[in-house]
PDB file of all heavy atoms in Angstrom:
ATOM      1  N   THR A   1       0.867  -1.185  -0.036  1.00  0.00           N
ATOM      2  CA  THR A   1       0.059   0.013  -0.022  1.00  0.00           C
ATOM      3  C   THR A   1       0.840   1.257  -0.015  1.00  0.00           C
ATOM      4  O   THR A   1       2.024   1.185   0.475  1.00  0.00           O
ATOM      5  CB  THR A   1      -0.917   0.038   1.216  1.00  0.00           C
ATOM      6  OG1 THR A   1      -0.140   0.000   2.474  1.00  0.00           O
ATOM      7  CG2 THR A   1      -1.987  -1.094   1.178  1.00  0.00           C
ATOM      8  N   TYR A   2       0.377   2.306  -0.459  1.00  0.00           N
ATOM      9  CA  TYR A   2       1.103   3.564  -0.658  1.00  0.00           C
ATOM     10  C   TYR A   2       0.116   4.658  -0.298  1.00  0.00           C
ATOM     11  O   TYR A   2      -1.079   4.576  -0.584  1.00  0.00           O
ATOM     12  CB  TYR A   2       1.627   3.800  -2.037  1.00  0.00           C
ATOM     13  CG  TYR A   2       2.560   2.680  -2.503  1.00  0.00           C
ATOM     14  CD1 TYR A   2       2.042   1.513  -3.062  1.00  0.00           C
ATOM     15  CD2 TYR A   2       3.885   2.765  -2.272  1.00  0.00           C
ATOM     16  CE1 TYR A   2       2.906   0.487  -3.472  1.00  0.00           C
ATOM     17  CE2 TYR A   2       4.766   1.709  -2.596  1.00  0.00           C
ATOM     18  CZ  TYR A   2       4.237   0.561  -3.202  1.00  0.00           C
ATOM     19  OH  TYR A   2       5.087  -0.358  -3.549  1.00  0.00           O
ATOM     20  N   TYR A   3       0.581   5.715   0.392  1.00  0.00           N
ATOM     21  CA  TYR A   3      -0.228   6.774   0.827  1.00  0.00           C
ATOM     22  C   TYR A   3       0.394   8.170   0.572  1.00  0.00           C
ATOM     23  O   TYR A   3       1.675   8.371   0.586  1.00  0.00           O
ATOM     24  CB  TYR A   3      -0.418   6.646   2.346  1.00  0.00           C
ATOM     25  CG  TYR A   3      -1.190   5.474   2.708  1.00  0.00           C
ATOM     26  CD1 TYR A   3      -0.548   4.287   3.086  1.00  0.00           C
ATOM     27  CD2 TYR A   3      -2.583   5.433   2.801  1.00  0.00           C
ATOM     28  CE1 TYR A   3      -1.173   3.177   3.479  1.00  0.00           C
ATOM     29  CE2 TYR A   3      -3.290   4.282   3.061  1.00  0.00           C
ATOM     30  CZ  TYR A   3      -2.532   3.103   3.421  1.00  0.00           C
ATOM     31  OH  TYR A   3      -3.249   1.938   3.741  1.00  0.00           O
ATOM     32  N   ALA A   4      -0.370   9.238   0.394  1.00  0.00           N
ATOM     33  CA  ALA A   4       0.091  10.546   0.299  1.00  0.00           C
ATOM     34  C   ALA A   4       0.501  10.881   1.754  1.00  0.00           C
ATOM     35  O   ALA A   4      -0.020  10.439   2.680  1.00  0.00           O
ATOM     36  CB  ALA A   4      -0.932  11.525  -0.160  1.00  0.00           C
ATOM     37  N   ASP A   5       1.565  11.745   1.928  1.00  0.00           N
ATOM     38  CA  ASP A   5       2.070  12.178   3.223  1.00  0.00           C
ATOM     39  C   ASP A   5       0.950  12.739   3.920  1.00  0.00           C
ATOM     40  O   ASP A   5       0.952  12.670   5.245  1.00  0.00           O
ATOM     41  CB  ASP A   5       3.215  13.113   2.978  1.00  0.00           C
ATOM     42  CG  ASP A   5       4.472  12.452   2.472  1.00  0.00           C
ATOM     43  OD1 ASP A   5       4.588  11.191   2.528  1.00  0.00           O
ATOM     44  OD2 ASP A   5       5.328  13.203   1.957  1.00  0.00           O
ATOM     45  N   SER A   6      -0.025  13.442   3.438  1.00  0.00           N
ATOM     46  CA  SER A   6      -0.979  14.181   4.121  1.00  0.00           C
ATOM     47  C   SER A   6      -1.965  13.216   4.818  1.00  0.00           C
ATOM     48  O   SER A   6      -2.764  13.575   5.740  1.00  0.00           O
ATOM     49  CB  SER A   6      -1.774  15.096   3.176  1.00  0.00           C
ATOM     50  OG  SER A   6      -2.429  14.401   2.115  1.00  0.00           O
ATOM     51  N   VAL A   7      -2.098  12.007   4.455  1.00  0.00           N
ATOM     52  CA  VAL A   7      -3.013  11.024   5.042  1.00  0.00           C
ATOM     53  C   VAL A   7      -2.387   9.872   5.676  1.00  0.00           C
ATOM     54  O   VAL A   7      -3.060   9.073   6.346  1.00  0.00           O
ATOM     55  CB  VAL A   7      -4.032  10.478   3.950  1.00  0.00           C
ATOM     56  CG1 VAL A   7      -4.694  11.704   3.227  1.00  0.00           C
ATOM     57  CG2 VAL A   7      -3.392   9.595   2.988  1.00  0.00           C
ATOM     58  N   LYS A   8      -1.121   9.764   5.598  1.00  0.00           N
ATOM     59  CA  LYS A   8      -0.363   8.654   6.175  1.00  0.00           C
ATOM     60  C   LYS A   8      -0.576   8.573   7.760  1.00  0.00           C
ATOM     61  O   LYS A   8      -0.522   9.598   8.414  1.00  0.00           O
ATOM     62  CB  LYS A   8       1.228   8.842   5.849  1.00  0.00           C
ATOM     63  CG  LYS A   8       1.881   7.512   5.881  1.00  0.00           C
ATOM     64  CD  LYS A   8       3.302   7.782   5.270  1.00  0.00           C
ATOM     65  CE  LYS A   8       3.354   8.036   3.865  1.00  0.00           C
ATOM     66  NZ  LYS A   8       4.670   8.209   3.308  1.00  0.00           N
ATOM     67  N   GLY A   9      -0.873   7.372   8.156  1.00  0.00           N
ATOM     68  CA  GLY A   9      -1.204   7.190   9.561  1.00  0.00           C
ATOM     69  C   GLY A   9      -2.629   7.477   9.972  1.00  0.00           C
ATOM     70  O   GLY A   9      -3.043   7.097  10.985  1.00  0.00           O
ATOM     71  N   ARG A  10      -3.483   8.074   8.990  1.00  0.00           N
ATOM     72  CA  ARG A  10      -4.798   8.294   9.325  1.00  0.00           C
ATOM     73  C   ARG A  10      -5.777   7.464   8.473  1.00  0.00           C
ATOM     74  O   ARG A  10      -6.914   7.067   8.898  1.00  0.00           O
ATOM     75  CB  ARG A  10      -5.125   9.810   9.185  1.00  0.00           C
ATOM     76  CG  ARG A  10      -4.323  10.636  10.101  1.00  0.00           C
ATOM     77  CD  ARG A  10      -4.808  12.111   9.985  1.00  0.00           C
ATOM     78  NE  ARG A  10      -4.558  12.685   8.626  1.00  0.00           N
ATOM     79  CZ  ARG A  10      -5.570  13.171   7.947  1.00  0.00           C
ATOM     80  NH1 ARG A  10      -6.813  13.168   8.427  1.00  0.00           N
ATOM     81  NH2 ARG A  10      -5.365  13.625   6.721  1.00  0.00           N
ATOM     82  N   PHE A  11      -5.398   7.193   7.193  1.00  0.00           N
ATOM     83  CA  PHE A  11      -6.099   6.556   6.276  1.00  0.00           C
ATOM     84  C   PHE A  11      -5.641   5.100   5.964  1.00  0.00           C
ATOM     85  O   PHE A  11      -4.404   4.992   6.097  1.00  0.00           O
ATOM     86  CB  PHE A  11      -6.197   7.261   4.944  1.00  0.00           C
ATOM     87  CG  PHE A  11      -6.984   8.529   4.930  1.00  0.00           C
ATOM     88  CD1 PHE A  11      -7.420   9.172   6.129  1.00  0.00           C
ATOM     89  CD2 PHE A  11      -7.277   9.160   3.738  1.00  0.00           C
ATOM     90  CE1 PHE A  11      -8.054  10.378   6.070  1.00  0.00           C
ATOM     91  CE2 PHE A  11      -7.986  10.361   3.656  1.00  0.00           C
ATOM     92  CZ  PHE A  11      -8.366  11.018   4.850  1.00  0.00           C
ATOM     93  N   THR A  12      -6.460   4.245   5.761  1.00  0.00           N
ATOM     94  CA  THR A  12      -6.016   2.726   5.411  1.00  0.00           C
ATOM     95  C   THR A  12      -6.860   2.414   4.116  1.00  0.00           C
ATOM     96  O   THR A  12      -8.058   2.382   4.170  1.00  0.00           O
ATOM     97  CB  THR A  12      -6.313   1.856   6.585  1.00  0.00           C
ATOM     98  OG1 THR A  12      -5.590   2.318   7.720  1.00  0.00           O
ATOM     99  CG2 THR A  12      -5.792   0.458   6.251  1.00  0.00           C
ATOM    100  N   ILE A  13      -6.101   1.836   3.154  1.00  0.00           N
ATOM    101  CA  ILE A  13      -6.757   1.337   2.014  1.00  0.00           C
ATOM    102  C   ILE A  13      -6.713  -0.192   2.131  1.00  0.00           C
ATOM    103  O   ILE A  13      -5.641  -0.809   2.569  1.00  0.00           O
ATOM    104  CB  ILE A  13      -5.986   1.760   0.721  1.00  0.00           C
ATOM    105  CG1 ILE A  13      -6.805   1.373  -0.621  1.00  0.00           C
ATOM    106  CG2 ILE A  13      -4.523   1.318   0.674  1.00  0.00           C
ATOM    107  CD1 ILE A  13      -6.268   1.993  -1.784  1.00  0.00           C
ATOM    108  N   SER A  14      -7.701  -0.848   1.689  1.00  0.00           N
ATOM    109  CA  SER A  14      -7.798  -2.339   1.658  1.00  0.00           C
ATOM    110  C   SER A  14      -8.579  -2.776   0.498  1.00  0.00           C
ATOM    111  O   SER A  14      -9.353  -2.003  -0.138  1.00  0.00           O
ATOM    112  CB  SER A  14      -8.391  -2.801   2.985  1.00  0.00           C
ATOM    113  OG  SER A  14      -9.689  -2.354   3.113  1.00  0.00           O
ATOM    114  N   ARG A  15      -8.484  -4.089   0.138  1.00  0.00           N
ATOM    115  CA  ARG A  15      -9.307  -4.631  -1.013  1.00  0.00           C
ATOM    116  C   ARG A  15      -9.770  -6.000  -0.712  1.00  0.00           C
ATOM    117  O   ARG A  15      -9.103  -6.783   0.134  1.00  0.00           O
ATOM    118  CB  ARG A  15      -8.445  -4.583  -2.244  1.00  0.00           C
ATOM    119  CG  ARG A  15      -7.373  -5.477  -2.325  1.00  0.00           C
ATOM    120  CD  ARG A  15      -6.445  -5.197  -3.609  1.00  0.00           C
ATOM    121  NE  ARG A  15      -7.156  -5.534  -4.828  1.00  0.00           N
ATOM    122  CZ  ARG A  15      -6.821  -5.071  -6.048  1.00  0.00           C
ATOM    123  NH1 ARG A  15      -5.762  -4.302  -6.149  1.00  0.00           N
ATOM    124  NH2 ARG A  15      -7.446  -5.414  -7.060  1.00  0.00           N
ATOM    125  N   ASP A  16     -10.764  -6.445  -1.258  1.00  0.00           N
ATOM    126  CA  ASP A  16     -11.344  -7.771  -1.205  1.00  0.00           C
ATOM    127  C   ASP A  16     -11.492  -8.261  -2.633  1.00  0.00           C
ATOM    128  O   ASP A  16     -12.495  -7.902  -3.284  1.00  0.00           O
ATOM    129  CB  ASP A  16     -12.681  -7.792  -0.499  1.00  0.00           C
ATOM    130  CG  ASP A  16     -13.193  -9.173  -0.203  1.00  0.00           C
ATOM    131  OD1 ASP A  16     -12.767 -10.160  -0.965  1.00  0.00           O
ATOM    132  OD2 ASP A  16     -13.979  -9.380   0.788  1.00  0.00           O
ATOM    133  N   ASN A  17     -10.544  -9.026  -3.117  1.00  0.00           N
ATOM    134  CA  ASN A  17     -10.578  -9.522  -4.538  1.00  0.00           C
ATOM    135  C   ASN A  17     -11.787 -10.509  -4.768  1.00  0.00           C
ATOM    136  O   ASN A  17     -12.295 -10.634  -5.887  1.00  0.00           O
ATOM    137  CB  ASN A  17      -9.261 -10.128  -4.866  1.00  0.00           C
ATOM    138  CG  ASN A  17      -8.140  -9.138  -5.081  1.00  0.00           C
ATOM    139  OD1 ASN A  17      -8.458  -7.915  -5.272  1.00  0.00           O
ATOM    140  ND2 ASN A  17      -6.960  -9.606  -5.057  1.00  0.00           N
ATOM    141  N   ALA A  18     -12.212 -11.200  -3.739  1.00  0.00           N
ATOM    142  CA  ALA A  18     -13.390 -12.063  -3.935  1.00  0.00           C
ATOM    143  C   ALA A  18     -14.724 -11.246  -4.148  1.00  0.00           C
ATOM    144  O   ALA A  18     -15.655 -11.796  -4.808  1.00  0.00           O
ATOM    145  CB  ALA A  18     -13.538 -12.924  -2.701  1.00  0.00           C
ATOM    146  N   LYS A  19     -14.743 -10.059  -3.629  1.00  0.00           N
ATOM    147  CA  LYS A  19     -15.980  -9.280  -3.715  1.00  0.00           C
ATOM    148  C   LYS A  19     -15.774  -8.101  -4.737  1.00  0.00           C
ATOM    149  O   LYS A  19     -16.717  -7.288  -4.846  1.00  0.00           O
ATOM    150  CB  LYS A  19     -16.349  -8.730  -2.363  1.00  0.00           C
ATOM    151  CG  LYS A  19     -16.752  -9.697  -1.413  1.00  0.00           C
ATOM    152  CD  LYS A  19     -17.128  -9.124  -0.052  1.00  0.00           C
ATOM    153  CE  LYS A  19     -17.576 -10.173   0.930  1.00  0.00           C
ATOM    154  NZ  LYS A  19     -18.000  -9.629   2.251  1.00  0.00           N
ATOM    155  N   ASN A  20     -14.616  -7.945  -5.340  1.00  0.00           N
ATOM    156  CA  ASN A  20     -14.332  -6.860  -6.187  1.00  0.00           C
ATOM    157  C   ASN A  20     -14.484  -5.463  -5.678  1.00  0.00           C
ATOM    158  O   ASN A  20     -15.211  -4.593  -6.265  1.00  0.00           O
ATOM    159  CB  ASN A  20     -15.209  -7.069  -7.527  1.00  0.00           C
ATOM    160  CG  ASN A  20     -14.648  -8.002  -8.562  1.00  0.00           C
ATOM    161  OD1 ASN A  20     -13.803  -8.798  -8.151  1.00  0.00           O
ATOM    162  ND2 ASN A  20     -15.086  -7.912  -9.822  1.00  0.00           N
ATOM    163  N   THR A  21     -14.007  -5.346  -4.381  1.00  0.00           N
ATOM    164  CA  THR A  21     -14.140  -4.131  -3.740  1.00  0.00           C
ATOM    165  C   THR A  21     -12.806  -3.632  -3.239  1.00  0.00           C
ATOM    166  O   THR A  21     -11.907  -4.329  -2.871  1.00  0.00           O
ATOM    167  CB  THR A  21     -15.232  -4.149  -2.599  1.00  0.00           C
ATOM    168  OG1 THR A  21     -14.705  -5.203  -1.685  1.00  0.00           O
ATOM    169  CG2 THR A  21     -16.520  -4.471  -3.091  1.00  0.00           C
ATOM    170  N   VAL A  22     -12.770  -2.204  -3.153  1.00  0.00           N
ATOM    171  CA  VAL A  22     -11.678  -1.542  -2.510  1.00  0.00           C
ATOM    172  C   VAL A  22     -12.231  -0.517  -1.560  1.00  0.00           C
ATOM    173  O   VAL A  22     -13.218   0.091  -1.856  1.00  0.00           O
ATOM    174  CB  VAL A  22     -10.650  -0.960  -3.619  1.00  0.00           C
ATOM    175  CG1 VAL A  22     -11.374   0.052  -4.423  1.00  0.00           C
ATOM    176  CG2 VAL A  22      -9.493  -0.365  -2.911  1.00  0.00           C
ATOM    177  N   SER A  23     -11.673  -0.372  -0.340  1.00  0.00           N
ATOM    178  CA  SER A  23     -12.153   0.441   0.594  1.00  0.00           C
ATOM    179  C   SER A  23     -11.095   1.446   1.121  1.00  0.00           C
ATOM    180  O   SER A  23      -9.863   1.254   0.986  1.00  0.00           O
ATOM    181  CB  SER A  23     -12.755  -0.302   1.751  1.00  0.00           C
ATOM    182  OG  SER A  23     -13.751  -1.145   1.454  1.00  0.00           O
ATOM    183  N   LEU A  24     -11.521   2.524   1.675  1.00  0.00           N
ATOM    184  CA  LEU A  24     -10.657   3.525   2.276  1.00  0.00           C
ATOM    185  C   LEU A  24     -11.319   3.960   3.636  1.00  0.00           C
ATOM    186  O   LEU A  24     -12.309   4.571   3.692  1.00  0.00           O
ATOM    187  CB  LEU A  24     -10.555   4.780   1.313  1.00  0.00           C
ATOM    188  CG  LEU A  24      -9.556   5.856   1.879  1.00  0.00           C
ATOM    189  CD1 LEU A  24      -8.178   5.278   1.697  1.00  0.00           C
ATOM    190  CD2 LEU A  24      -9.751   7.117   1.069  1.00  0.00           C
TER     191      LEU A  24
END
């Protein structure tokens, strides 16, 4: 995962390939 400095430590990206979804 990669983050902009402005959101690092506060935002988390994840994905579920079985459900074809990505979340923030």
